[in-house]
Amino acid sequence: METPPLADVLGSFGLIARSTLGDRAIGRSGADVIPCATTDGQEVVLKLTSRQPAHLGEQALRELTVYVDLASRLALPAPRLLAHRVEPTWVAIVLEALAPLPPVEDWGSSRWVDLATTLAMLHRPGDPVPSVIGRLVGGDDISSAEVVHTAGRLWGTADAAARVQRLLEDITDVESAADEGPRSFIHGDCHAENVMASVDGSLSLIDWQSARIGASAADIAFALTRAIPTGAVVPRHEAVSCYCAVAQVELDTTDRQICALQLLTLVRQYPAYVDFLPPEGIGRLRAGLAELEDRWRRLR
């Protein structure tokens, strides 16, 4: 990660680090996230991202575009941008500090309904967004051949492997259903760890590196899918029904679309992370795959 000495960046913003180097959190985006405070004691977060490799730099600039150009204009559920700096080899942003939520396993129905409402409001039609938001470099999807290759590791049981094979044979219909419904500006990486509480108690989303124009239902679909390996009890029907009511979209069609989006995430993305999943998480994913495939057969 090609970034300047932390002390230099802190000094340029007049910040004091609240943690030692060993406490700094490096997310999947490659960003260095440092809890800090201003000289007058305001709690803030410094996010420092290298621009190498190139896709990390593009994602950092994408997130900065969200905060600078879109957050106020679209009333996004996002922390306030307090300062930023763009250099040839790195990007730094300073954001207001938000309160973390309990682990998703401890979320109740009301929290999921709040998230569904927040996402439905985010996906309302709004002003045009910059062209940089319309594309996304890279991605986690893997080919069908790779899915089959990893099936023995992630979907190792005969039942799970058979379900994956059936889905691959039906992939055109699954992809078609996933593309149904409206498209809008979306967060692009909506899961429980990227949801925090604002000062007024409302929900706020962080980590906007994957923001883009896409299927509106993709955000809630990804949030539901990411919760599966945690063992969280998710009130799916309540959350989806709330989302549809607030977004003013048809429930049955959207439920089918969300199911298709979840299946694509499980089949195409999760095999790449099999080495990072604990055995209990893999077991929950297999159970989730079975439930979603059965749901797909009923809804298609």
Foldseek 3Di string as FASTA:
>chain_A
DDDDPPVVVCVVVQKAFPDDPVPWDQDPLRWTWTWIAHPVGFTKIKTKWWCPPVQSVLLLVQQVLCQPPNCVQLVAQAFHWDDWDDDPTMIMTMTHDFAADPPLQPDDQVVLLLVLLNLLSSFADGDDGDPSQADHPDDQFDDPVVLLVLCCLLVVDPVSSVLLVVCVVVVVVLVVLLQDDDKGWGQQQAENRQWGAHPVRHIGGDSSSNIHIGHSLLNSLNHVLVCQLVPHDHPVVSSLVSNCVNNVHDRLSSVLNSLSSSLSCLRTHCSVCSVVGDPSSSVSSSVVSVVSSVVNVVRD
